[in-house]
Amino acid sequence: MTRRQLDARAGVALLAPALAALAALAAWPGVWVLWLSLQKRIPIFGIDRFVGVAHYAFLGGDARFWNAVRVTLVFTVVSVALELVLGVAVALGLQRQHRGRRLTMALLLLPWALPSVVVGRTFEWLYHPSAGLVNFILGARAINWLGEPALTLPALIVADVWRTMPFVALLCYARVLTIPAAVYEAARVDGAGRLATLRDVTLPLLRRVLLIALLFRTLDALRAFDLMFVLTGGGPANTTETLTVYAYRSLFQTLQLGLGAAIGVVVFALVMLVAWAYLRAVGRTEVTA
């Protein structure tokens, strides 16, 4: 037996415990959820029978499901886009800041460190129609940010951006610190202004970090549940009901376990599709670098 074969066997032996734990904690529950999605199971009525892909066929014609898909995609696209723009802006601001940088970093980390439930309750008070700080600052009278269908989703997006933008900002800031000062000096010598430097120097050098940040934030946004559940519970009129909230309501409120599992499988497939697309984009970036 060659040295390479011995190393390969040793590697498999070392990985075996981790692979066994991963199979027990992830693979088996995933297979069980997939199997549950093929059954009609409502324990409160004693219903438990195999129905195949009937739940998926139902979801294909379910207006509530497609509304949840739309809300999930709008929430994800707008939130992640705002986090990207604001994160890069904050990172560049930190780069140029010379005094009080540690204090700024501490304040920047505060929203990211807070639990989502705490953030939800905080914004619930901020958005209060009569006593909320938002209405006081705007000089508005009793705007119901969490009760008006046209305002609820934007208000939810603002809360999510406030909580998660520091993650993107910190990643970008860490990358910005590694860019040699000579690169910017060369750009200034060539006559590049601030906008041209940002477009032609900073953003291309941030591309890999931005792709990684977008991967994590997109996956988190697609699976987001706690913030909208605390703030709105999916209302009003299902305007903030994402796929995860719809799955929760089906599983725990109406006890349609098979239908809820089918929605969960759809969310898993969507997350895997997005992860695959982002990883391909990261791979292309590494090849062309």
C-alpha atoms as a PDB file:
ATOM      1  CA  MET A   1       0.000   0.000   0.000  1.00  0.00           C
ATOM      2  CA  THR A   2       1.393   3.396  -1.036  1.00  0.00           C
ATOM      3  CA  ARG A   3       1.901   6.386   1.203  1.00  0.00           C
ATOM      4  CA  ARG A   4      -0.884   8.283  -0.559  1.00  0.00           C
ATOM      5  CA  GLN A   5      -3.377   5.472   0.060  1.00  0.00           C
ATOM      6  CA  LEU A   6      -2.411   5.357   3.735  1.00  0.00           C
ATOM      7  CA  ASP A   7      -2.908   9.131   4.013  1.00  0.00           C
ATOM      8  CA  ALA A   8      -6.286   8.836   2.281  1.00  0.00           C
ATOM      9  CA  ARG A   9      -7.446   6.144   4.699  1.00  0.00           C
ATOM     10  CA  ALA A  10      -6.183   8.141   7.661  1.00  0.00           C
ATOM     11  CA  GLY A  11      -8.096  11.181   6.382  1.00  0.00           C
ATOM     12  CA  VAL A  12     -11.306   9.183   6.051  1.00  0.00           C
ATOM     13  CA  ALA A  13     -10.843   7.775   9.560  1.00  0.00           C
ATOM     14  CA  LEU A  14     -10.340  11.257  10.999  1.00  0.00           C
ATOM     15  CA  LEU A  15     -13.388  12.607   9.144  1.00  0.00           C
ATOM     16  CA  ALA A  16     -15.633   9.679  10.078  1.00  0.00           C
ATOM     17  CA  PRO A  17     -16.814  11.053  13.480  1.00  0.00           C
ATOM     18  CA  ALA A  18     -17.659  14.448  11.970  1.00  0.00           C
ATOM     19  CA  LEU A  19     -19.459  12.844   9.026  1.00  0.00           C
ATOM     20  CA  ALA A  20     -21.427  10.590  11.386  1.00  0.00           C
ATOM     21  CA  ALA A  21     -22.452  13.568  13.513  1.00  0.00           C
ATOM     22  CA  LEU A  22     -23.416  15.542  10.401  1.00  0.00           C
ATOM     23  CA  ALA A  23     -25.517  12.642   9.133  1.00  0.00           C
ATOM     24  CA  ALA A  24     -27.265  12.277  12.484  1.00  0.00           C
ATOM     25  CA  LEU A  25     -27.910  15.993  13.003  1.00  0.00           C
ATOM     26  CA  ALA A  26     -28.601  17.153   9.439  1.00  0.00           C
ATOM     27  CA  ALA A  27     -29.041  14.430   6.851  1.00  0.00           C
ATOM     28  CA  TRP A  28     -31.451  12.211   8.777  1.00  0.00           C
ATOM     29  CA  PRO A  29     -33.773  15.060   9.895  1.00  0.00           C
ATOM     30  CA  GLY A  30     -33.753  16.349   6.302  1.00  0.00           C
ATOM     31  CA  VAL A  31     -34.788  12.961   4.942  1.00  0.00           C
ATOM     32  CA  TRP A  32     -37.483  12.711   7.601  1.00  0.00           C
ATOM     33  CA  VAL A  33     -38.912  16.146   6.695  1.00  0.00           C
ATOM     34  CA  LEU A  34     -38.952  15.144   3.015  1.00  0.00           C
ATOM     35  CA  TRP A  35     -40.821  11.954   3.908  1.00  0.00           C
ATOM     36  CA  LEU A  36     -43.248  13.893   6.113  1.00  0.00           C
ATOM     37  CA  SER A  37     -43.979  16.275   3.218  1.00  0.00           C
ATOM     38  CA  LEU A  38     -45.329  13.298   1.264  1.00  0.00           C
ATOM     39  CA  GLN A  39     -47.909  12.507   3.925  1.00  0.00           C
ATOM     40  CA  LYS A  40     -51.101  14.153   5.064  1.00  0.00           C
ATOM     41  CA  ARG A  41     -50.712  14.205   8.806  1.00  0.00           C
ATOM     42  CA  ILE A  42     -53.038  16.187  11.088  1.00  0.00           C
ATOM     43  CA  PRO A  43     -52.663  14.693  14.583  1.00  0.00           C
ATOM     44  CA  ILE A  44     -55.605  16.519  16.126  1.00  0.00           C
ATOM     45  CA  PHE A  45     -57.989  14.745  13.718  1.00  0.00           C
ATOM     46  CA  GLY A  46     -56.087  11.463  13.647  1.00  0.00           C
ATOM     47  CA  ILE A  47     -55.282  11.814   9.931  1.00  0.00           C
ATOM     48  CA  ASP A  48     -52.106  10.075   8.802  1.00  0.00           C
ATOM     49  CA  ARG A  49     -51.837   8.788   5.236  1.00  0.00           C
ATOM     50  CA  PHE A  50     -49.439   8.887   2.307  1.00  0.00           C
ATOM     51  CA  VAL A  51     -50.437  11.411  -0.389  1.00  0.00           C
ATOM     52  CA  GLY A  52     -47.260  11.638  -2.482  1.00  0.00           C
ATOM     53  CA  VAL A  53     -46.670  15.027  -4.107  1.00  0.00           C
ATOM     54  CA  ALA A  54     -50.191  16.268  -3.375  1.00  0.00           C
ATOM     55  CA  HIS A  55     -48.904  19.000  -1.051  1.00  0.00           C
ATOM     56  CA  TYR A  56     -46.535  20.302  -3.702  1.00  0.00           C
ATOM     57  CA  ALA A  57     -49.335  20.294  -6.270  1.00  0.00           C
ATOM     58  CA  PHE A  58     -51.490  22.232  -3.810  1.00  0.00           C
ATOM     59  CA  LEU A  59     -48.743  24.798  -3.241  1.00  0.00           C
ATOM     60  CA  GLY A  60     -48.394  25.277  -6.992  1.00  0.00           C
ATOM     61  CA  GLY A  61     -51.942  26.656  -7.137  1.00  0.00           C
ATOM     62  CA  ASP A  62     -52.037  28.261  -3.695  1.00  0.00           C
ATOM     63  CA  ALA A  63     -52.283  32.059  -3.876  1.00  0.00           C
ATOM     64  CA  ARG A  64     -51.124  32.367  -0.279  1.00  0.00           C
ATOM     65  CA  PHE A  65     -47.976  30.381  -1.063  1.00  0.00           C
ATOM     66  CA  TRP A  66     -47.081  32.573  -4.034  1.00  0.00           C
ATOM     67  CA  ASN A  67     -47.733  35.679  -1.944  1.00  0.00           C
ATOM     68  CA  ALA A  68     -45.273  34.288   0.624  1.00  0.00           C
ATOM     69  CA  VAL A  69     -42.741  33.674  -2.170  1.00  0.00           C
ATOM     70  CA  ARG A  70     -43.150  37.260  -3.381  1.00  0.00           C
ATOM     71  CA  VAL A  71     -42.790  38.704   0.123  1.00  0.00           C
ATOM     72  CA  THR A  72     -39.714  36.550   0.787  1.00  0.00           C
ATOM     73  CA  LEU A  73     -38.012  37.622  -2.444  1.00  0.00           C
ATOM     74  CA  VAL A  74     -38.832  41.328  -2.005  1.00  0.00           C
ATOM     75  CA  PHE A  75     -37.634  41.245   1.589  1.00  0.00           C
ATOM     76  CA  THR A  76     -34.423  39.451   0.609  1.00  0.00           C
ATOM     77  CA  VAL A  77     -33.528  41.558  -2.444  1.00  0.00           C
ATOM     78  CA  VAL A  78     -34.242  44.956  -0.873  1.00  0.00           C
ATOM     79  CA  SER A  79     -32.679  44.141   2.501  1.00  0.00           C
ATOM     80  CA  VAL A  80     -29.492  42.666   1.050  1.00  0.00           C
ATOM     81  CA  ALA A  81     -29.118  45.489  -1.495  1.00  0.00           C
ATOM     82  CA  LEU A  82     -29.420  48.155   1.206  1.00  0.00           C
ATOM     83  CA  GLU A  83     -27.025  46.280   3.482  1.00  0.00           C
ATOM     84  CA  LEU A  84     -24.499  46.092   0.642  1.00  0.00           C
ATOM     85  CA  VAL A  85     -24.618  49.806  -0.149  1.00  0.00           C
ATOM     86  CA  LEU A  86     -24.666  50.964   3.468  1.00  0.00           C
ATOM     87  CA  GLY A  87     -22.064  48.396   4.535  1.00  0.00           C
ATOM     88  CA  VAL A  88     -19.562  49.579   1.927  1.00  0.00           C
ATOM     89  CA  ALA A  89     -20.265  53.224   2.818  1.00  0.00           C
ATOM     90  CA  VAL A  90     -19.739  52.606   6.532  1.00  0.00           C
ATOM     91  CA  ALA A  91     -16.530  50.632   5.870  1.00  0.00           C
ATOM     92  CA  LEU A  92     -15.098  53.470   3.793  1.00  0.00           C
ATOM     93  CA  GLY A  93     -16.148  55.962   6.464  1.00  0.00           C
ATOM     94  CA  LEU A  94     -14.323  53.940   9.111  1.00  0.00           C
ATOM     95  CA  GLN A  95     -11.255  53.819   6.891  1.00  0.00           C
ATOM     96  CA  ARG A  96     -11.107  57.614   6.767  1.00  0.00           C
ATOM     97  CA  GLN A  97     -11.913  58.090  10.463  1.00  0.00           C
ATOM     98  CA  HIS A  98      -8.893  58.859  12.653  1.00  0.00           C
ATOM     99  CA  ARG A  99     -10.435  59.616  16.056  1.00  0.00           C
ATOM    100  CA  GLY A 100     -12.990  57.625  18.006  1.00  0.00           C
ATOM    101  CA  ARG A 101     -12.687  54.592  15.743  1.00  0.00           C
ATOM    102  CA  ARG A 102     -12.941  52.130  18.631  1.00  0.00           C
ATOM    103  CA  LEU A 103     -16.110  53.771  19.912  1.00  0.00           C
ATOM    104  CA  THR A 104     -17.584  53.705  16.417  1.00  0.00           C
ATOM    105  CA  MET A 105     -16.738  50.024  16.077  1.00  0.00           C
ATOM    106  CA  ALA A 106     -18.383  49.255  19.425  1.00  0.00           C
ATOM    107  CA  LEU A 107     -21.553  51.114  18.435  1.00  0.00           C
ATOM    108  CA  LEU A 108     -21.513  49.392  15.054  1.00  0.00           C
ATOM    109  CA  LEU A 109     -21.330  45.974  16.696  1.00  0.00           C
ATOM    110  CA  LEU A 110     -24.231  46.679  19.045  1.00  0.00           C
ATOM    111  CA  PRO A 111     -27.102  45.966  16.602  1.00  0.00           C
ATOM    112  CA  TRP A 112     -25.404  42.778  15.370  1.00  0.00           C
ATOM    113  CA  ALA A 113     -24.863  41.574  18.945  1.00  0.00           C
ATOM    114  CA  LEU A 114     -28.465  42.061  20.037  1.00  0.00           C
ATOM    115  CA  PRO A 115     -30.848  39.073  19.784  1.00  0.00           C
ATOM    116  CA  SER A 116     -33.462  39.376  17.049  1.00  0.00           C
ATOM    117  CA  VAL A 117     -36.295  39.314  19.582  1.00  0.00           C
ATOM    118  CA  VAL A 118     -34.798  42.307  21.404  1.00  0.00           C
ATOM    119  CA  VAL A 119     -34.420  44.164  18.110  1.00  0.00           C
ATOM    120  CA  GLY A 120     -38.027  43.332  17.238  1.00  0.00           C
ATOM    121  CA  ARG A 121     -39.375  44.642  20.529  1.00  0.00           C
ATOM    122  CA  THR A 122     -37.220  47.769  20.230  1.00  0.00           C
ATOM    123  CA  PHE A 123     -38.593  48.606  16.803  1.00  0.00           C
ATOM    124  CA  GLU A 124     -42.082  47.792  17.993  1.00  0.00           C
ATOM    125  CA  TRP A 125     -41.716  50.643  20.472  1.00  0.00           C
ATOM    126  CA  LEU A 126     -40.049  52.909  17.906  1.00  0.00           C
ATOM    127  CA  TYR A 127     -42.925  52.351  15.471  1.00  0.00           C
ATOM    128  CA  HIS A 128     -45.666  52.863  18.069  1.00  0.00           C
ATOM    129  CA  PRO A 129     -48.400  55.009  16.468  1.00  0.00           C
ATOM    130  CA  SER A 130     -48.813  57.475  19.343  1.00  0.00           C
ATOM    131  CA  ALA A 131     -45.666  57.200  21.476  1.00  0.00           C
ATOM    132  CA  GLY A 132     -43.056  55.998  18.988  1.00  0.00           C
ATOM    133  CA  LEU A 133     -39.832  57.882  18.356  1.00  0.00           C
ATOM    134  CA  VAL A 134     -40.159  57.543  14.567  1.00  0.00           C
ATOM    135  CA  ASN A 135     -43.438  59.463  14.427  1.00  0.00           C
ATOM    136  CA  PHE A 136     -42.062  62.037  16.877  1.00  0.00           C
ATOM    137  CA  ILE A 137     -38.994  62.708  14.714  1.00  0.00           C
ATOM    138  CA  LEU A 138     -41.075  62.893  11.528  1.00  0.00           C
ATOM    139  CA  GLY A 139     -43.639  65.125  13.216  1.00  0.00           C
ATOM    140  CA  ALA A 140     -46.315  62.733  11.994  1.00  0.00           C
ATOM    141  CA  ARG A 141     -49.586  61.942  13.698  1.00  0.00           C
ATOM    142  CA  ALA A 142     -50.374  58.351  14.530  1.00  0.00           C
ATOM    143  CA  ILE A 143     -48.834  56.638  11.494  1.00  0.00           C
ATOM    144  CA  ASN A 144     -49.393  52.928  12.106  1.00  0.00           C
ATOM    145  CA  TRP A 145     -46.156  51.548  10.664  1.00  0.00           C
ATOM    146  CA  LEU A 146     -46.954  47.973  11.626  1.00  0.00           C
ATOM    147  CA  GLY A 147     -50.671  48.115  10.852  1.00  0.00           C
ATOM    148  CA  GLU A 148     -50.834  49.672   7.401  1.00  0.00           C
ATOM    149  CA  PRO A 149     -50.310  47.051   4.656  1.00  0.00           C
ATOM    150  CA  ALA A 150     -48.360  49.489   2.466  1.00  0.00           C
ATOM    151  CA  LEU A 151     -45.949  50.454   5.274  1.00  0.00           C
ATOM    152  CA  THR A 152     -45.402  47.223   7.156  1.00  0.00           C
ATOM    153  CA  LEU A 153     -42.928  45.496   4.835  1.00  0.00           C
ATOM    154  CA  PRO A 154     -40.744  48.619   4.373  1.00  0.00           C
ATOM    155  CA  ALA A 155     -40.739  49.114   8.155  1.00  0.00           C
ATOM    156  CA  LEU A 156     -39.694  45.499   8.612  1.00  0.00           C
ATOM    157  CA  ILE A 157     -36.913  45.877   6.047  1.00  0.00           C
ATOM    158  CA  VAL A 158     -35.558  48.943   7.870  1.00  0.00           C
ATOM    159  CA  ALA A 159     -35.401  46.979  11.126  1.00  0.00           C
ATOM    160  CA  ASP A 160     -33.603  44.092   9.427  1.00  0.00           C
ATOM    161  CA  VAL A 161     -31.097  46.388   7.714  1.00  0.00           C
ATOM    162  CA  TRP A 162     -30.324  48.133  11.006  1.00  0.00           C
ATOM    163  CA  ARG A 163     -29.662  44.791  12.665  1.00  0.00           C
ATOM    164  CA  THR A 164     -27.575  43.088   9.977  1.00  0.00           C
ATOM    165  CA  MET A 165     -25.807  45.866   8.057  1.00  0.00           C
ATOM    166  CA  PRO A 166     -22.884  45.855  10.566  1.00  0.00           C
ATOM    167  CA  PHE A 167     -22.015  42.321   9.425  1.00  0.00           C
ATOM    168  CA  VAL A 168     -21.397  43.507   5.859  1.00  0.00           C
ATOM    169  CA  ALA A 169     -19.671  46.667   7.074  1.00  0.00           C
ATOM    170  CA  LEU A 170     -17.205  44.779   9.261  1.00  0.00           C
ATOM    171  CA  LEU A 171     -16.299  42.329   6.505  1.00  0.00           C
ATOM    172  CA  CYS A 172     -15.732  45.160   4.046  1.00  0.00           C
ATOM    173  CA  TYR A 173     -13.766  47.165   6.600  1.00  0.00           C
ATOM    174  CA  ALA A 174     -11.478  44.218   7.302  1.00  0.00           C
ATOM    175  CA  ARG A 175     -10.765  43.911   3.568  1.00  0.00           C
ATOM    176  CA  VAL A 176     -10.291  47.640   3.093  1.00  0.00           C
ATOM    177  CA  LEU A 177      -7.585  47.660   5.767  1.00  0.00           C
ATOM    178  CA  THR A 178      -5.533  45.191   3.702  1.00  0.00           C
ATOM    179  CA  ILE A 179      -5.518  47.359   0.557  1.00  0.00           C
ATOM    180  CA  PRO A 180      -2.038  48.945   0.264  1.00  0.00           C
ATOM    181  CA  ALA A 181      -1.950  52.727   0.449  1.00  0.00           C
ATOM    182  CA  ALA A 182       0.252  52.698  -2.643  1.00  0.00           C
ATOM    183  CA  VAL A 183      -2.734  51.565  -4.729  1.00  0.00           C
ATOM    184  CA  TYR A 184      -4.676  54.710  -3.826  1.00  0.00           C
ATOM    185  CA  GLU A 185      -1.588  56.881  -4.310  1.00  0.00           C
ATOM    186  CA  ALA A 186      -1.169  55.463  -7.815  1.00  0.00           C
ATOM    187  CA  ALA A 187      -4.812  56.202  -8.562  1.00  0.00           C
ATOM    188  CA  ARG A 188      -4.386  59.812  -7.406  1.00  0.00           C
ATOM    189  CA  VAL A 189      -1.262  60.199  -9.530  1.00  0.00           C
ATOM    190  CA  ASP A 190      -3.243  58.986 -12.538  1.00  0.00           C
ATOM    191  CA  GLY A 191      -5.811  61.715 -11.859  1.00  0.00           C
ATOM    192  CA  ALA A 192      -8.620  59.486 -10.570  1.00  0.00           C
ATOM    193  CA  GLY A 193     -11.181  61.249  -8.406  1.00  0.00           C
ATOM    194  CA  ARG A 194     -13.018  59.738  -5.464  1.00  0.00           C
ATOM    195  CA  LEU A 195     -15.801  58.268  -7.583  1.00  0.00           C
ATOM    196  CA  ALA A 196     -13.387  56.764 -10.109  1.00  0.00           C
ATOM    197  CA  THR A 197     -11.226  55.345  -7.306  1.00  0.00           C
ATOM    198  CA  LEU A 198     -14.265  53.761  -5.703  1.00  0.00           C
ATOM    199  CA  ARG A 199     -15.464  52.299  -9.007  1.00  0.00           C
ATOM    200  CA  ASP A 200     -12.143  51.151 -10.468  1.00  0.00           C
ATOM    201  CA  VAL A 201     -10.057  50.365  -7.393  1.00  0.00           C
ATOM    202  CA  THR A 202     -11.996  49.793  -4.179  1.00  0.00           C
ATOM    203  CA  LEU A 203     -15.036  47.871  -5.426  1.00  0.00           C
ATOM    204  CA  PRO A 204     -13.047  45.409  -7.604  1.00  0.00           C
ATOM    205  CA  LEU A 205     -10.786  44.656  -4.636  1.00  0.00           C
ATOM    206  CA  LEU A 206     -13.867  44.169  -2.429  1.00  0.00           C
ATOM    207  CA  ARG A 207     -15.564  41.800  -4.880  1.00  0.00           C
ATOM    208  CA  ARG A 208     -14.660  38.528  -3.170  1.00  0.00           C
ATOM    209  CA  VAL A 209     -15.609  39.784   0.279  1.00  0.00           C
ATOM    210  CA  LEU A 210     -18.873  41.201  -1.049  1.00  0.00           C
ATOM    211  CA  LEU A 211     -19.760  37.876  -2.654  1.00  0.00           C
ATOM    212  CA  ILE A 212     -19.144  36.046   0.619  1.00  0.00           C
ATOM    213  CA  ALA A 213     -21.119  38.629   2.603  1.00  0.00           C
ATOM    214  CA  LEU A 214     -23.960  38.466   0.100  1.00  0.00           C
ATOM    215  CA  LEU A 215     -23.985  34.679   0.289  1.00  0.00           C
ATOM    216  CA  PHE A 216     -24.426  34.613   4.056  1.00  0.00           C
ATOM    217  CA  ARG A 217     -26.863  37.521   4.157  1.00  0.00           C
ATOM    218  CA  THR A 218     -29.002  36.194   1.299  1.00  0.00           C
ATOM    219  CA  LEU A 219     -29.280  32.789   2.934  1.00  0.00           C
ATOM    220  CA  ASP A 220     -30.168  34.412   6.254  1.00  0.00           C
ATOM    221  CA  ALA A 221     -32.783  36.670   4.650  1.00  0.00           C
ATOM    222  CA  LEU A 222     -34.431  33.798   2.785  1.00  0.00           C
ATOM    223  CA  ARG A 223     -34.771  31.899   6.076  1.00  0.00           C
ATOM    224  CA  ALA A 224     -35.658  34.946   8.199  1.00  0.00           C
ATOM    225  CA  PHE A 225     -38.397  34.290  10.714  1.00  0.00           C
ATOM    226  CA  ASP A 226     -37.858  35.777  14.151  1.00  0.00           C
ATOM    227  CA  LEU A 227     -37.986  39.491  13.288  1.00  0.00           C
ATOM    228  CA  MET A 228     -41.197  39.405  11.270  1.00  0.00           C
ATOM    229  CA  PHE A 229     -42.795  36.978  13.714  1.00  0.00           C
ATOM    230  CA  VAL A 230     -42.119  39.312  16.651  1.00  0.00           C
ATOM    231  CA  LEU A 231     -43.035  42.531  14.852  1.00  0.00           C
ATOM    232  CA  THR A 232     -46.013  41.540  12.708  1.00  0.00           C
ATOM    233  CA  GLY A 233     -46.663  37.801  12.936  1.00  0.00           C
ATOM    234  CA  GLY A 234     -47.007  37.838   9.138  1.00  0.00           C
ATOM    235  CA  GLY A 235     -49.717  40.495   9.069  1.00  0.00           C
ATOM    236  CA  PRO A 236     -51.498  42.644   8.334  1.00  0.00           C
ATOM    237  CA  ALA A 237     -53.367  40.720   5.632  1.00  0.00           C
ATOM    238  CA  ASN A 238     -50.328  38.468   5.048  1.00  0.00           C
ATOM    239  CA  THR A 239     -48.276  41.397   3.713  1.00  0.00           C
ATOM    240  CA  THR A 240     -45.230  40.256   5.730  1.00  0.00           C
ATOM    241  CA  GLU A 241     -45.888  36.517   5.656  1.00  0.00           C
ATOM    242  CA  THR A 242     -42.696  34.942   4.350  1.00  0.00           C
ATOM    243  CA  LEU A 243     -42.264  31.278   3.490  1.00  0.00           C
ATOM    244  CA  THR A 244     -40.894  30.512   6.957  1.00  0.00           C
ATOM    245  CA  VAL A 245     -43.833  32.223   8.664  1.00  0.00           C
ATOM    246  CA  TYR A 246     -46.251  30.334   6.407  1.00  0.00           C
ATOM    247  CA  ALA A 247     -44.497  27.077   7.294  1.00  0.00           C
ATOM    248  CA  TYR A 248     -44.732  27.901  11.007  1.00  0.00           C
ATOM    249  CA  ARG A 249     -48.434  28.642  10.769  1.00  0.00           C
ATOM    250  CA  SER A 250     -49.077  25.416   8.897  1.00  0.00           C
ATOM    251  CA  LEU A 251     -46.988  23.315  11.284  1.00  0.00           C
ATOM    252  CA  PHE A 252     -47.870  24.737  14.683  1.00  0.00           C
ATOM    253  CA  GLN A 253     -51.082  26.739  14.329  1.00  0.00           C
ATOM    254  CA  THR A 254     -53.152  24.569  11.991  1.00  0.00           C
ATOM    255  CA  LEU A 255     -51.134  21.375  12.706  1.00  0.00           C
ATOM    256  CA  GLN A 256     -50.925  20.444   9.011  1.00  0.00           C
ATOM    257  CA  LEU A 257     -47.589  18.750   9.454  1.00  0.00           C
ATOM    258  CA  GLY A 258     -47.271  17.452   5.897  1.00  0.00           C
ATOM    259  CA  LEU A 259     -48.048  20.826   4.327  1.00  0.00           C
ATOM    260  CA  GLY A 260     -45.681  22.637   6.672  1.00  0.00           C
ATOM    261  CA  ALA A 261     -42.937  20.138   5.893  1.00  0.00           C
ATOM    262  CA  ALA A 262     -43.514  20.649   2.152  1.00  0.00           C
ATOM    263  CA  ILE A 263     -43.053  24.416   2.574  1.00  0.00           C
ATOM    264  CA  GLY A 264     -39.880  23.725   4.536  1.00  0.00           C
ATOM    265  CA  VAL A 265     -38.566  21.559   1.698  1.00  0.00           C
ATOM    266  CA  VAL A 266     -39.282  24.386  -0.758  1.00  0.00           C
ATOM    267  CA  VAL A 267     -37.345  26.834   1.439  1.00  0.00           C
ATOM    268  CA  PHE A 268     -34.452  24.363   1.652  1.00  0.00           C
ATOM    269  CA  ALA A 269     -34.401  23.943  -2.139  1.00  0.00           C
ATOM    270  CA  LEU A 270     -34.462  27.719  -2.625  1.00  0.00           C
ATOM    271  CA  VAL A 271     -31.599  28.216  -0.177  1.00  0.00           C
ATOM    272  CA  MET A 272     -29.527  25.480  -1.831  1.00  0.00           C
ATOM    273  CA  LEU A 273     -30.138  26.993  -5.284  1.00  0.00           C
ATOM    274  CA  VAL A 274     -28.986  30.413  -4.139  1.00  0.00           C
ATOM    275  CA  ALA A 275     -25.952  28.930  -2.356  1.00  0.00           C
ATOM    276  CA  TRP A 276     -24.991  27.014  -5.508  1.00  0.00           C
ATOM    277  CA  ALA A 277     -25.266  30.165  -7.650  1.00  0.00           C
ATOM    278  CA  TYR A 278     -23.163  32.228  -5.250  1.00  0.00           C
ATOM    279  CA  LEU A 279     -20.506  29.537  -4.871  1.00  0.00           C
ATOM    280  CA  ARG A 280     -20.197  29.328  -8.650  1.00  0.00           C
ATOM    281  CA  ALA A 281     -19.766  33.099  -8.784  1.00  0.00           C
ATOM    282  CA  VAL A 282     -17.067  32.922  -6.078  1.00  0.00           C
ATOM    283  CA  GLY A 283     -15.346  30.119  -7.993  1.00  0.00           C
ATOM    284  CA  ARG A 284     -15.297  32.173 -11.174  1.00  0.00           C
ATOM    285  CA  THR A 285     -13.856  35.115  -9.252  1.00  0.00           C
ATOM    286  CA  GLU A 286     -11.022  32.949  -7.913  1.00  0.00           C
ATOM    287  CA  VAL A 287     -10.255  31.586 -11.382  1.00  0.00           C
ATOM    288  CA  THR A 288     -10.083  35.030 -12.999  1.00  0.00           C
ATOM    289  CA  ALA A 289      -8.116  36.556 -10.123  1.00  0.00           C
END
